[in-house]
PDB file of N, CA and C in Angstrom:
ATOM      1  N   MET A   1      30.835 167.210  84.375  1.00  0.00           N
ATOM      2  CA  MET A   1      31.554 167.893  85.422  1.00  0.00           C
ATOM      3  C   MET A   1      33.012 168.123  85.028  1.00  0.00           C
ATOM      4  N   LEU A   2      33.567 167.154  84.329  1.00  0.00           N
ATOM      5  CA  LEU A   2      34.957 167.302  83.886  1.00  0.00           C
ATOM      6  C   LEU A   2      35.101 168.475  82.910  1.00  0.00           C
ATOM      7  N   LEU A   3      34.164 168.586  81.947  1.00  0.00           N
ATOM      8  CA  LEU A   3      34.220 169.706  81.003  1.00  0.00           C
ATOM      9  C   LEU A   3      34.051 171.040  81.724  1.00  0.00           C
ATOM     10  N   HIS A   4      33.183 171.087  82.717  1.00  0.00           N
ATOM     11  CA  HIS A   4      32.990 172.313  83.478  1.00  0.00           C
ATOM     12  C   HIS A   4      34.290 172.690  84.202  1.00  0.00           C
ATOM     13  N   GLY A   5      34.951 171.699  84.783  1.00  0.00           N
ATOM     14  CA  GLY A   5      36.210 171.970  85.458  1.00  0.00           C
ATOM     15  C   GLY A   5      37.299 172.430  84.511  1.00  0.00           C
ATOM     16  N   LEU A   6      37.356 171.804  83.314  1.00  0.00           N
ATOM     17  CA  LEU A   6      38.374 172.200  82.333  1.00  0.00           C
ATOM     18  C   LEU A   6      38.168 173.619  81.826  1.00  0.00           C
ATOM     19  N   THR A   7      36.905 173.987  81.590  1.00  0.00           N
ATOM     20  CA  THR A   7      36.655 175.338  81.071  1.00  0.00           C
ATOM     21  C   THR A   7      36.860 176.407  82.133  1.00  0.00           C
ATOM     22  N   ASN A   8      36.754 176.040  83.403  1.00  0.00           N
ATOM     23  CA  ASN A   8      36.971 177.022  84.465  1.00  0.00           C
ATOM     24  C   ASN A   8      38.399 177.006  85.010  1.00  0.00           C
ATOM     25  N   ALA A   9      39.220 176.079  84.579  1.00  0.00           N
ATOM     26  CA  ALA A   9      40.591 175.974  85.090  1.00  0.00           C
ATOM     27  C   ALA A   9      41.409 177.242  84.860  1.00  0.00           C
ATOM     28  N   PRO A  10      41.345 177.889  83.701  1.00  0.00           N
ATOM     29  CA  PRO A  10      42.142 179.106  83.532  1.00  0.00           C
ATOM     30  C   PRO A  10      41.759 180.223  84.509  1.00  0.00           C
ATOM     31  N   ILE A  11      40.500 180.260  84.925  1.00  0.00           N
ATOM     32  CA  ILE A  11      40.076 181.292  85.882  1.00  0.00           C
ATOM     33  C   ILE A  11      40.740 181.040  87.232  1.00  0.00           C
ATOM     34  N   LEU A  12      40.809 179.779  87.638  1.00  0.00           N
ATOM     35  CA  LEU A  12      41.482 179.450  88.892  1.00  0.00           C
ATOM     36  C   LEU A  12      42.970 179.773  88.816  1.00  0.00           C
ATOM     37  N   LEU A  13      43.582 179.495  87.652  1.00  0.00           N
ATOM     38  CA  LEU A  13      44.999 179.815  87.484  1.00  0.00           C
ATOM     39  C   LEU A  13      45.224 181.325  87.529  1.00  0.00           C
ATOM     40  N   LEU A  14      44.283 182.095  86.994  1.00  0.00           N
ATOM     41  CA  LEU A  14      44.368 183.556  87.026  1.00  0.00           C
ATOM     42  C   LEU A  14      44.350 184.060  88.457  1.00  0.00           C
ATOM     43  N   ARG A  15      43.444 183.545  89.270  1.00  0.00           N
ATOM     44  CA  ARG A  15      43.304 184.023  90.647  1.00  0.00           C
ATOM     45  C   ARG A  15      44.535 183.713  91.494  1.00  0.00           C
ATOM     46  N   ARG A  16      45.213 182.619  91.199  1.00  0.00           N
ATOM     47  CA  ARG A  16      46.391 182.242  91.978  1.00  0.00           C
ATOM     48  C   ARG A  16      47.687 182.774  91.369  1.00  0.00           C
ATOM     49  N   GLU A  17      47.584 183.465  90.222  1.00  0.00           N
ATOM     50  CA  GLU A  17      48.728 184.022  89.503  1.00  0.00           C
ATOM     51  C   GLU A  17      49.830 182.978  89.305  1.00  0.00           C
ATOM     52  N   VAL A  18      49.415 181.843  88.743  1.00  0.00           N
ATOM     53  CA  VAL A  18      50.333 180.749  88.465  1.00  0.00           C
ATOM     54  C   VAL A  18      51.366 181.218  87.438  1.00  0.00           C
ATOM     55  N   PHE A  19      52.588 180.720  87.543  1.00  0.00           N
ATOM     56  CA  PHE A  19      53.732 181.058  86.695  1.00  0.00           C
ATOM     57  C   PHE A  19      54.159 182.516  86.860  1.00  0.00           C
ATOM     58  N   GLY A  20      53.580 183.229  87.811  1.00  0.00           N
ATOM     59  CA  GLY A  20      53.949 184.616  88.046  1.00  0.00           C
ATOM     60  C   GLY A  20      53.427 185.579  86.992  1.00  0.00           C
ATOM     61  N   TRP A  21      52.461 185.123  86.190  1.00  0.00           N
ATOM     62  CA  TRP A  21      51.910 185.972  85.132  1.00  0.00           C
ATOM     63  C   TRP A  21      50.875 186.932  85.707  1.00  0.00           C
ATOM     64  N   LYS A  22      50.867 188.123  85.170  1.00  0.00           N
ATOM     65  CA  LYS A  22      49.930 189.160  85.601  1.00  0.00           C
ATOM     66  C   LYS A  22      48.509 188.833  85.123  1.00  0.00           C
ATOM     67  N   PRO A  23      47.493 189.414  85.742  1.00  0.00           N
ATOM     68  CA  PRO A  23      46.102 189.170  85.312  1.00  0.00           C
ATOM     69  C   PRO A  23      45.832 189.570  83.857  1.00  0.00           C
ATOM     70  N   GLU A  24      46.566 190.554  83.340  1.00  0.00           N
ATOM     71  CA  GLU A  24      46.367 190.962  81.950  1.00  0.00           C
ATOM     72  C   GLU A  24      46.761 189.841  80.989  1.00  0.00           C
ATOM     73  N   VAL A  25      47.848 189.146  81.299  1.00  0.00           N
ATOM     74  CA  VAL A  25      48.291 188.026  80.460  1.00  0.00           C
ATOM     75  C   VAL A  25      47.263 186.899  80.532  1.00  0.00           C
ATOM     76  N   TRP A  26      46.795 186.616  81.742  1.00  0.00           N
ATOM     77  CA  TRP A  26      45.809 185.551  81.904  1.00  0.00           C
ATOM     78  C   TRP A  26      44.501 185.876  81.196  1.00  0.00           C
ATOM     79  N   SER A  27      44.113 187.140  81.160  1.00  0.00           N
ATOM     80  CA  SER A  27      42.856 187.485  80.481  1.00  0.00           C
ATOM     81  C   SER A  27      42.946 187.217  78.981  1.00  0.00           C
ATOM     82  N   VAL A  28      44.111 187.470  78.383  1.00  0.00           N
ATOM     83  CA  VAL A  28      44.305 187.160  76.960  1.00  0.00           C
ATOM     84  C   VAL A  28      44.295 185.649  76.750  1.00  0.00           C
ATOM     85  N   LEU A  29      44.985 184.917  77.620  1.00  0.00           N
ATOM     86  CA  LEU A  29      45.014 183.459  77.501  1.00  0.00           C
ATOM     87  C   LEU A  29      43.620 182.850  77.678  1.00  0.00           C
ATOM     88  N   ILE A  30      42.827 183.412  78.576  1.00  0.00           N
ATOM     89  CA  ILE A  30      41.462 182.908  78.779  1.00  0.00           C
ATOM     90  C   ILE A  30      40.629 183.130  77.521  1.00  0.00           C
ATOM     91  N   GLN A  31      40.769 184.277  76.882  1.00  0.00           N
ATOM     92  CA  GLN A  31      40.014 184.550  75.655  1.00  0.00           C
ATOM     93  C   GLN A  31      40.396 183.571  74.545  1.00  0.00           C
ATOM     94  N   VAL A  32      41.691 183.313  74.384  1.00  0.00           N
ATOM     95  CA  VAL A  32      42.160 182.366  73.368  1.00  0.00           C
ATOM     96  C   VAL A  32      41.658 180.964  73.693  1.00  0.00           C
ATOM     97  N   PHE A  33      41.728 180.587  74.964  1.00  0.00           N
ATOM     98  CA  PHE A  33      41.279 179.269  75.401  1.00  0.00           C
ATOM     99  C   PHE A  33      39.779 179.094  75.135  1.00  0.00           C
ATOM    100  N   LEU A  34      38.977 180.079  75.482  1.00  0.00           N
ATOM    101  CA  LEU A  34      37.528 179.971  75.278  1.00  0.00           C
ATOM    102  C   LEU A  34      37.153 179.960  73.799  1.00  0.00           C
ATOM    103  N   THR A  35      37.892 180.695  72.984  1.00  0.00           N
ATOM    104  CA  THR A  35      37.649 180.652  71.543  1.00  0.00           C
ATOM    105  C   THR A  35      37.949 179.260  70.996  1.00  0.00           C
ATOM    106  N   GLY A  36      39.034 178.661  71.443  1.00  0.00           N
ATOM    107  CA  GLY A  36      39.369 177.303  71.023  1.00  0.00           C
ATOM    108  C   GLY A  36      38.329 176.290  71.469  1.00  0.00           C
ATOM    109  N   VAL A  37      37.855 176.400  72.707  1.00  0.00           N
ATOM    110  CA  VAL A  37      36.817 175.499  73.212  1.00  0.00           C
ATOM    111  C   VAL A  37      35.541 175.662  72.390  1.00  0.00           C
ATOM    112  N   PHE A  38      35.191 176.892  72.036  1.00  0.00           N
ATOM    113  CA  PHE A  38      33.985 177.147  71.247  1.00  0.00           C
ATOM    114  C   PHE A  38      34.094 176.501  69.865  1.00  0.00           C
ATOM    115  N   ILE A  39      35.229 176.663  69.202  1.00  0.00           N
ATOM    116  CA  ILE A  39      35.405 176.101  67.859  1.00  0.00           C
ATOM    117  C   ILE A  39      35.381 174.573  67.905  1.00  0.00           C
ATOM    118  N   ILE A  40      36.054 173.987  68.880  1.00  0.00           N
ATOM    119  CA  ILE A  40      36.043 172.529  69.011  1.00  0.00           C
ATOM    120  C   ILE A  40      34.634 172.027  69.296  1.00  0.00           C
ATOM    121  N   SER A  41      33.889 172.738  70.131  1.00  0.00           N
ATOM    122  CA  SER A  41      32.506 172.344  70.425  1.00  0.00           C
ATOM    123  C   SER A  41      31.632 172.447  69.192  1.00  0.00           C
ATOM    124  N   LEU A  42      31.833 173.475  68.397  1.00  0.00           N
ATOM    125  CA  LEU A  42      31.053 173.639  67.177  1.00  0.00           C
ATOM    126  C   LEU A  42      31.321 172.502  66.195  1.00  0.00           C
ATOM    127  N   VAL A  43      32.573 172.128  66.024  1.00  0.00           N
ATOM    128  CA  VAL A  43      32.920 171.009  65.146  1.00  0.00           C
ATOM    129  C   VAL A  43      32.322 169.710  65.679  1.00  0.00           C
ATOM    130  N   ALA A  44      32.339 169.534  66.989  1.00  0.00           N
ATOM    131  CA  ALA A  44      31.751 168.323  67.583  1.00  0.00           C
ATOM    132  C   ALA A  44      30.243 168.280  67.370  1.00  0.00           C
ATOM    133  N   LEU A  45      29.571 169.422  67.472  1.00  0.00           N
ATOM    134  CA  LEU A  45      28.122 169.463  67.230  1.00  0.00           C
ATOM    135  C   LEU A  45      27.790 169.159  65.774  1.00  0.00           C
ATOM    136  N   ILE A  46      28.571 169.698  64.850  1.00  0.00           N
ATOM    137  CA  ILE A  46      28.340 169.410  63.430  1.00  0.00           C
ATOM    138  C   ILE A  46      28.567 167.928  63.163  1.00  0.00           C
ATOM    139  N   ALA A  47      29.603 167.362  63.763  1.00  0.00           N
ATOM    140  CA  ALA A  47      29.880 165.933  63.579  1.00  0.00           C
ATOM    141  C   ALA A  47      28.754 165.084  64.148  1.00  0.00           C
ATOM    142  N   ALA A  48      28.188 165.500  65.273  1.00  0.00           N
ATOM    143  CA  ALA A  48      27.094 164.738  65.879  1.00  0.00           C
ATOM    144  C   ALA A  48      25.814 164.850  65.043  1.00  0.00           C
ATOM    145  N   ALA A  49      25.582 166.024  64.476  1.00  0.00           N
ATOM    146  CA  ALA A  49      24.339 166.231  63.720  1.00  0.00           C
ATOM    147  C   ALA A  49      24.416 165.658  62.307  1.00  0.00           C
ATOM    148  N   TYR A  50      25.525 165.850  61.621  1.00  0.00           N
ATOM    149  CA  TYR A  50      25.620 165.473  60.215  1.00  0.00           C
ATOM    150  C   TYR A  50      26.546 164.288  59.950  1.00  0.00           C
ATOM    151  N   GLY A  51      27.365 163.943  60.883  1.00  0.00           N
ATOM    152  CA  GLY A  51      28.291 162.840  60.691  1.00  0.00           C
ATOM    153  C   GLY A  51      29.682 163.334  60.335  1.00  0.00           C
ATOM    154  N   GLN A  52      30.630 162.439  60.480  1.00  0.00           N
ATOM    155  CA  GLN A  52      32.035 162.779  60.252  1.00  0.00           C
ATOM    156  C   GLN A  52      32.300 163.138  58.794  1.00  0.00           C
ATOM    157  N   ARG A  53      31.575 162.542  57.879  1.00  0.00           N
ATOM    158  CA  ARG A  53      31.774 162.821  56.457  1.00  0.00           C
ATOM    159  C   ARG A  53      31.453 164.282  56.136  1.00  0.00           C
ATOM    160  N   MET A  54      30.405 164.835  56.751  1.00  0.00           N
ATOM    161  CA  MET A  54      30.049 166.236  56.513  1.00  0.00           C
ATOM    162  C   MET A  54      31.139 167.157  57.056  1.00  0.00           C
ATOM    163  N   VAL A  55      31.714 166.832  58.191  1.00  0.00           N
ATOM    164  CA  VAL A  55      32.795 167.656  58.748  1.00  0.00           C
ATOM    165  C   VAL A  55      33.982 167.669  57.798  1.00  0.00           C
ATOM    166  N   ARG A  56      34.326 166.498  57.228  1.00  0.00           N
ATOM    167  CA  ARG A  56      35.437 166.449  56.268  1.00  0.00           C
ATOM    168  C   ARG A  56      35.118 167.266  55.025  1.00  0.00           C
ATOM    169  N   ARG A  57      33.855 167.260  54.580  1.00  0.00           N
ATOM    170  CA  ARG A  57      33.481 168.073  53.414  1.00  0.00           C
ATOM    171  C   ARG A  57      33.596 169.559  53.715  1.00  0.00           C
ATOM    172  N   ILE A  58      33.201 169.964  54.912  1.00  0.00           N
ATOM    173  CA  ILE A  58      33.304 171.375  55.287  1.00  0.00           C
ATOM    174  C   ILE A  58      34.766 171.799  55.366  1.00  0.00           C
ATOM    175  N   LEU A  59      35.596 170.965  55.972  1.00  0.00           N
ATOM    176  CA  LEU A  59      37.011 171.303  56.116  1.00  0.00           C
ATOM    177  C   LEU A  59      37.760 171.248  54.792  1.00  0.00           C
ATOM    178  N   ALA A  60      37.227 170.523  53.793  1.00  0.00           N
ATOM    179  CA  ALA A  60      37.863 170.470  52.473  1.00  0.00           C
ATOM    180  C   ALA A  60      37.765 171.817  51.766  1.00  0.00           C
ATOM    181  N   ASN A  61      36.777 172.649  52.148  1.00  0.00           N
ATOM    182  CA  ASN A  61      36.671 174.019  51.650  1.00  0.00           C
ATOM    183  C   ASN A  61      36.419 174.089  50.143  1.00  0.00           C
ATOM    184  N   GLN A  62      35.730 173.113  49.578  1.00  0.00           N
ATOM    185  CA  GLN A  62      35.412 173.079  48.151  1.00  0.00           C
ATOM    186  C   GLN A  62      33.914 173.291  47.970  1.00  0.00           C
ATOM    187  N   MET A  63      33.542 174.177  47.066  1.00  0.00           N
ATOM    188  CA  MET A  63      32.132 174.486  46.807  1.00  0.00           C
ATOM    189  C   MET A  63      31.819 174.251  45.330  1.00  0.00           C
ATOM    190  N   ILE A  64      30.545 174.036  45.037  1.00  0.00           N
ATOM    191  CA  ILE A  64      30.067 173.934  43.656  1.00  0.00           C
ATOM    192  C   ILE A  64      29.295 175.214  43.371  1.00  0.00           C
ATOM    193  N   CYS A  65      29.684 175.913  42.317  1.00  0.00           N
ATOM    194  CA  CYS A  65      29.049 177.175  41.948  1.00  0.00           C
ATOM    195  C   CYS A  65      27.621 176.917  41.483  1.00  0.00           C
ATOM    196  N   PRO A  66      26.616 177.598  42.055  1.00  0.00           N
ATOM    197  CA  PRO A  66      25.250 177.405  41.596  1.00  0.00           C
ATOM    198  C   PRO A  66      25.005 177.976  40.196  1.00  0.00           C
ATOM    199  N   ALA A  67      25.842 178.901  39.739  1.00  0.00           N
ATOM    200  CA  ALA A  67      25.645 179.515  38.429  1.00  0.00           C
ATOM    201  C   ALA A  67      26.248 178.683  37.296  1.00  0.00           C
ATOM    202  N   CYS A  68      27.524 178.303  37.443  1.00  0.00           N
ATOM    203  CA  CYS A  68      28.198 177.605  36.338  1.00  0.00           C
ATOM    204  C   CYS A  68      28.464 176.126  36.620  1.00  0.00           C
ATOM    205  N   GLY A  69      28.313 175.678  37.861  1.00  0.00           N
ATOM    206  CA  GLY A  69      28.508 174.275  38.195  1.00  0.00           C
ATOM    207  C   GLY A  69      29.952 173.869  38.411  1.00  0.00           C
ATOM    208  N   ALA A  70      30.869 174.807  38.392  1.00  0.00           N
ATOM    209  CA  ALA A  70      32.286 174.491  38.588  1.00  0.00           C
ATOM    210  C   ALA A  70      32.586 174.275  40.068  1.00  0.00           C
ATOM    211  N   THR A  71      33.564 173.445  40.343  1.00  0.00           N
ATOM    212  CA  THR A  71      34.022 173.241  41.712  1.00  0.00           C
ATOM    213  C   THR A  71      35.198 174.177  41.949  1.00  0.00           C
ATOM    214  N   TYR A  72      35.126 174.932  43.039  1.00  0.00           N
ATOM    215  CA  TYR A  72      36.181 175.896  43.341  1.00  0.00           C
ATOM    216  C   TYR A  72      36.461 175.901  44.835  1.00  0.00           C
ATOM    217  N   ARG A  73      37.645 176.378  45.182  1.00  0.00           N
ATOM    218  CA  ARG A  73      38.027 176.515  46.589  1.00  0.00           C
ATOM    219  C   ARG A  73      37.426 177.810  47.113  1.00  0.00           C
ATOM    220  N   GLN A  74      36.834 177.752  48.294  1.00  0.00           N
ATOM    221  CA  GLN A  74      36.204 178.945  48.851  1.00  0.00           C
ATOM    222  C   GLN A  74      37.232 180.043  49.068  1.00  0.00           C
ATOM    223  N   PRO A  75      36.946 181.251  48.591  1.00  0.00           N
ATOM    224  CA  PRO A  75      37.887 182.352  48.788  1.00  0.00           C
ATOM    225  C   PRO A  75      37.783 182.933  50.193  1.00  0.00           C
ATOM    226  N   ILE A  76      38.804 183.651  50.591  1.00  0.00           N
ATOM    227  CA  ILE A  76      38.765 184.330  51.885  1.00  0.00           C
ATOM    228  C   ILE A  76      37.760 185.473  51.813  1.00  0.00           C
ATOM    229  N   LEU A  77      37.732 186.154  50.669  1.00  0.00           N
ATOM    230  CA  LEU A  77      36.821 187.271  50.482  1.00  0.00           C
ATOM    231  C   LEU A  77      35.396 186.751  50.340  1.00  0.00           C
ATOM    232  N   GLY A  78      34.520 187.166  51.196  1.00  0.00           N
ATOM    233  CA  GLY A  78      33.129 186.748  51.166  1.00  0.00           C
ATOM    234  C   GLY A  78      32.442 187.271  52.418  1.00  0.00           C
ATOM    235  N   MET A  79      31.110 187.220  52.418  1.00  0.00           N
ATOM    236  CA  MET A  79      30.352 187.702  53.565  1.00  0.00           C
ATOM    237  C   MET A  79      29.515 186.567  54.130  1.00  0.00           C
ATOM    238  N   ASN A  80      29.681 186.315  55.423  1.00  0.00           N
ATOM    239  CA  ASN A  80      28.944 185.256  56.090  1.00  0.00           C
ATOM    240  C   ASN A  80      27.636 185.798  56.655  1.00  0.00           C
ATOM    241  N   PHE A  81      26.555 185.054  56.438  1.00  0.00           N
ATOM    242  CA  PHE A  81      25.246 185.387  56.978  1.00  0.00           C
ATOM    243  C   PHE A  81      24.648 184.119  57.568  1.00  0.00           C
ATOM    244  N   GLY A  82      25.027 183.791  58.793  1.00  0.00           N
ATOM    245  CA  GLY A  82      24.504 182.586  59.431  1.00  0.00           C
ATOM    246  C   GLY A  82      24.973 181.343  58.698  1.00  0.00           C
ATOM    247  N   LEU A  83      24.041 180.588  58.136  1.00  0.00           N
ATOM    248  CA  LEU A  83      24.389 179.359  57.432  1.00  0.00           C
ATOM    249  C   LEU A  83      24.621 179.591  55.941  1.00  0.00           C
ATOM    250  N   SER A  84      24.478 180.811  55.479  1.00  0.00           N
ATOM    251  CA  SER A  84      24.718 181.135  54.067  1.00  0.00           C
ATOM    252  C   SER A  84      25.947 182.027  53.944  1.00  0.00           C
ATOM    253  N   ARG A  85      26.475 182.078  52.749  1.00  0.00           N
ATOM    254  CA  ARG A  85      27.668 182.902  52.483  1.00  0.00           C
ATOM    255  C   ARG A  85      27.551 183.476  51.081  1.00  0.00           C
ATOM    256  N   TYR A  86      27.883 184.750  50.936  1.00  0.00           N
ATOM    257  CA  TYR A  86      27.879 185.436  49.652  1.00  0.00           C
ATOM    258  C   TYR A  86      29.334 185.565  49.222  1.00  0.00           C
ATOM    259  N   GLU A  87      29.710 184.849  48.154  1.00  0.00           N
ATOM    260  CA  GLU A  87      31.109 184.795  47.749  1.00  0.00           C
ATOM    261  C   GLU A  87      31.234 184.678  46.239  1.00  0.00           C
ATOM    262  N   PRO A  88      32.403 185.055  45.687  1.00  0.00           N
ATOM    263  CA  PRO A  88      32.600 184.944  44.241  1.00  0.00           C
ATOM    264  C   PRO A  88      33.072 183.533  43.855  1.00  0.00           C
ATOM    265  N   CYS A  89      32.638 183.107  42.672  1.00  0.00           N
ATOM    266  CA  CYS A  89      33.103 181.842  42.115  1.00  0.00           C
ATOM    267  C   CYS A  89      34.449 182.104  41.438  1.00  0.00           C
ATOM    268  N   ALA A  90      35.388 181.199  41.612  1.00  0.00           N
ATOM    269  CA  ALA A  90      36.706 181.371  41.008  1.00  0.00           C
ATOM    270  C   ALA A  90      36.680 181.122  39.503  1.00  0.00           C
ATOM    271  N   ALA A  91      35.676 180.379  39.013  1.00  0.00           N
ATOM    272  CA  ALA A  91      35.616 180.050  37.588  1.00  0.00           C
ATOM    273  C   ALA A  91      34.894 181.135  36.787  1.00  0.00           C
ATOM    274  N   CYS A  92      33.675 181.496  37.201  1.00  0.00           N
ATOM    275  CA  CYS A  92      32.887 182.459  36.413  1.00  0.00           C
ATOM    276  C   CYS A  92      32.914 183.873  36.991  1.00  0.00           C
ATOM    277  N   HIS A  93      33.503 184.048  38.171  1.00  0.00           N
ATOM    278  CA  HIS A  93      33.657 185.346  38.834  1.00  0.00           C
ATOM    279  C   HIS A  93      32.338 186.005  39.198  1.00  0.00           C
ATOM    280  N   ARG A  94      31.260 185.246  39.248  1.00  0.00           N
ATOM    281  CA  ARG A  94      29.972 185.789  39.716  1.00  0.00           C
ATOM    282  C   ARG A  94      29.890 185.628  41.225  1.00  0.00           C
ATOM    283  N   TRP A  95      29.181 186.550  41.855  1.00  0.00           N
ATOM    284  CA  TRP A  95      28.934 186.449  43.288  1.00  0.00           C
ATOM    285  C   TRP A  95      27.653 185.653  43.475  1.00  0.00           C
ATOM    286  N   ASN A  96      27.704 184.636  44.342  1.00  0.00           N
ATOM    287  CA  ASN A  96      26.559 183.755  44.565  1.00  0.00           C
ATOM    288  C   ASN A  96      26.342 183.527  46.053  1.00  0.00           C
ATOM    289  N   TRP A  97      25.095 183.175  46.389  1.00  0.00           N
ATOM    290  CA  TRP A  97      24.780 182.719  47.737  1.00  0.00           C
ATOM    291  C   TRP A  97      25.024 181.221  47.777  1.00  0.00           C
ATOM    292  N   VAL A  98      25.853 180.767  48.710  1.00  0.00           N
ATOM    293  CA  VAL A  98      26.121 179.339  48.861  1.00  0.00           C
ATOM    294  C   VAL A  98      25.836 178.932  50.302  1.00  0.00           C
ATOM    295  N   SER A  99      25.574 177.650  50.474  1.00  0.00           N
ATOM    296  CA  SER A  99      25.323 177.103  51.812  1.00  0.00           C
ATOM    297  C   SER A  99      25.870 175.681  51.856  1.00  0.00           C
ATOM    298  N   LEU A 100      25.497 174.929  52.866  1.00  0.00           N
ATOM    299  CA  LEU A 100      25.994 173.557  53.001  1.00  0.00           C
ATOM    300  C   LEU A 100      25.562 172.670  51.842  1.00  0.00           C
ATOM    301  N   LYS A 101      24.448 173.008  51.192  1.00  0.00           N
ATOM    302  CA  LYS A 101      23.998 172.173  50.066  1.00  0.00           C
ATOM    303  C   LYS A 101      24.908 172.334  48.842  1.00  0.00           C
ATOM    304  N   ASN A 102      25.739 173.366  48.821  1.00  0.00           N
ATOM    305  CA  ASN A 102      26.662 173.591  47.709  1.00  0.00           C
ATOM    306  C   ASN A 102      28.051 172.994  47.950  1.00  0.00           C
ATOM    307  N   LEU A 103      28.228 172.258  49.037  1.00  0.00           N
ATOM    308  CA  LEU A 103      29.530 171.637  49.301  1.00  0.00           C
ATOM    309  C   LEU A 103      29.840 170.603  48.232  1.00  0.00           C
ATOM    310  N   ALA A 104      31.070 170.580  47.785  1.00  0.00           N
ATOM    311  CA  ALA A 104      31.491 169.594  46.792  1.00  0.00           C
ATOM    312  C   ALA A 104      31.650 168.237  47.474  1.00  0.00           C
ATOM    313  N   PRO A 105      31.323 167.159  46.771  1.00  0.00           N
ATOM    314  CA  PRO A 105      31.521 165.835  47.365  1.00  0.00           C
ATOM    315  C   PRO A 105      33.010 165.554  47.541  1.00  0.00           C
ATOM    316  N   LEU A 106      33.309 164.697  48.494  1.00  0.00           N
ATOM    317  CA  LEU A 106      34.703 164.331  48.733  1.00  0.00           C
ATOM    318  C   LEU A 106      35.227 163.503  47.575  1.00  0.00           C
ATOM    319  N   LYS A 107      36.475 163.738  47.241  1.00  0.00           N
ATOM    320  CA  LYS A 107      37.106 162.940  46.191  1.00  0.00           C
ATOM    321  C   LYS A 107      37.425 161.567  46.766  1.00  0.00           C
ATOM    322  N   PRO A 108      37.207 160.505  45.995  1.00  0.00           N
ATOM    323  CA  PRO A 108      37.542 159.179  46.525  1.00  0.00           C
ATOM    324  C   PRO A 108      39.045 159.060  46.741  1.00  0.00           C
ATOM    325  N   GLN A 109      39.392 158.438  47.838  1.00  0.00           N
ATOM    326  CA  GLN A 109      40.803 158.266  48.159  1.00  0.00           C
ATOM    327  C   GLN A 109      41.356 157.118  47.338  1.00  0.00           C
ATOM    328  N   ARG A 110      42.467 157.356  46.685  1.00  0.00           N
ATOM    329  CA  ARG A 110      43.092 156.318  45.864  1.00  0.00           C
ATOM    330  C   ARG A 110      43.939 155.408  46.739  1.00  0.00           C
ATOM    331  N   ALA A 111      43.876 154.135  46.437  1.00  0.00           N
ATOM    332  CA  ALA A 111      44.740 153.178  47.123  1.00  0.00           C
ATOM    333  C   ALA A 111      46.135 153.308  46.535  1.00  0.00           C
ATOM    334  N   PRO A 112      47.164 153.072  47.341  1.00  0.00           N
ATOM    335  CA  PRO A 112      48.524 153.152  46.792  1.00  0.00           C
ATOM    336  C   PRO A 112      48.701 152.141  45.668  1.00  0.00           C
ATOM    337  N   ALA A 113      49.445 152.544  44.676  1.00  0.00           N
ATOM    338  CA  ALA A 113      49.653 151.672  43.512  1.00  0.00           C
ATOM    339  C   ALA A 113      50.347 150.394  43.950  1.00  0.00           C
ATOM    340  N   GLU A 114      49.777 149.294  43.523  1.00  0.00           N
ATOM    341  CA  GLU A 114      50.362 148.009  43.894  1.00  0.00           C
ATOM    342  C   GLU A 114      51.579 147.751  43.015  1.00  0.00           C
ATOM    343  N   GLU A 115      52.562 147.112  43.622  1.00  0.00           N
ATOM    344  CA  GLU A 115      53.764 146.795  42.866  1.00  0.00           C
ATOM    345  C   GLU A 115      53.435 145.677  41.892  1.00  0.00           C
ATOM    346  N   SER A 116      54.031 145.751  40.742  1.00  0.00           N
ATOM    347  CA  SER A 116      53.760 144.721  39.741  1.00  0.00           C
ATOM    348  C   SER A 116      54.425 143.417  40.149  1.00  0.00           C
ATOM    349  N   ASP A 117      53.845 142.329  39.702  1.00  0.00           N
ATOM    350  CA  ASP A 117      54.376 141.008  40.041  1.00  0.00           C
ATOM    351  C   ASP A 117      55.654 140.701  39.265  1.00  0.00           C
ATOM    352  N   GLN A 118      55.985 141.501  38.270  1.00  0.00           N
ATOM    353  CA  GLN A 118      57.172 141.246  37.471  1.00  0.00           C
ATOM    354  C   GLN A 118      58.439 141.426  38.288  1.00  0.00           C
ATOM    355  N   SER A 119      58.423 142.308  39.276  1.00  0.00           N
ATOM    356  CA  SER A 119      59.626 142.533  40.061  1.00  0.00           C
ATOM    357  C   SER A 119      59.942 141.334  40.941  1.00  0.00           C
ATOM    358  N   ALA A 120      58.910 140.573  41.328  1.00  0.00           N
ATOM    359  CA  ALA A 120      59.135 139.413  42.187  1.00  0.00           C
ATOM    360  C   ALA A 120      59.479 138.168  41.377  1.00  0.00           C
ATOM    361  N   ALA A 121      59.192 138.170  40.100  1.00  0.00           N
ATOM    362  CA  ALA A 121      59.448 136.976  39.265  1.00  0.00           C
ATOM    363  C   ALA A 121      60.942 136.870  38.980  1.00  0.00           C
ATOM    364  N   PRO A 122      61.462 135.661  38.980  1.00  0.00           N
ATOM    365  CA  PRO A 122      62.890 135.478  38.682  1.00  0.00           C
ATOM    366  C   PRO A 122      63.186 135.775  37.211  1.00  0.00           C
ATOM    367  N   LEU A 123      64.352 136.251  36.972  1.00  0.00           N
ATOM    368  CA  LEU A 123      64.765 136.550  35.595  1.00  0.00           C
ATOM    369  C   LEU A 123      65.140 135.245  34.901  1.00  0.00           C
ATOM    370  N   VAL A 124      64.672 135.089  33.669  1.00  0.00           N
ATOM    371  CA  VAL A 124      64.948 133.882  32.882  1.00  0.00           C
ATOM    372  C   VAL A 124      65.798 134.281  31.699  1.00  0.00           C
ATOM    373  N   ASP A 125      66.910 133.575  31.492  1.00  0.00           N
ATOM    374  CA  ASP A 125      67.791 133.861  30.356  1.00  0.00           C
ATOM    375  C   ASP A 125      67.463 132.977  29.199  1.00  0.00           C
TER     376      ASP A 125
END
């Protein structure tokens, strides 16, 4: 019920002309708001289905080329077809069909370098 109320709140604000804004302004704000709600819901569904690690892999935007095996950053230029995408590889410049199975694994996070014990040891003359 809370989510239903939140998603309908901009419509109520539009009808009451809150902040003195015209209905045209509110219609643009409602479209932006609904697009944001849709994207957040989509990320939440992916996280629920595949886990948080898969969401981080998707957001990392790194793919493995099926032709040459190189890891590359997904280009802006490409064509989306549902769960597949037709895009060029940055290494071999071939156009390939890629999907979630071509996501590059996450790089292990490095721990901060530990300070050496020599700095804490007293100086001996």
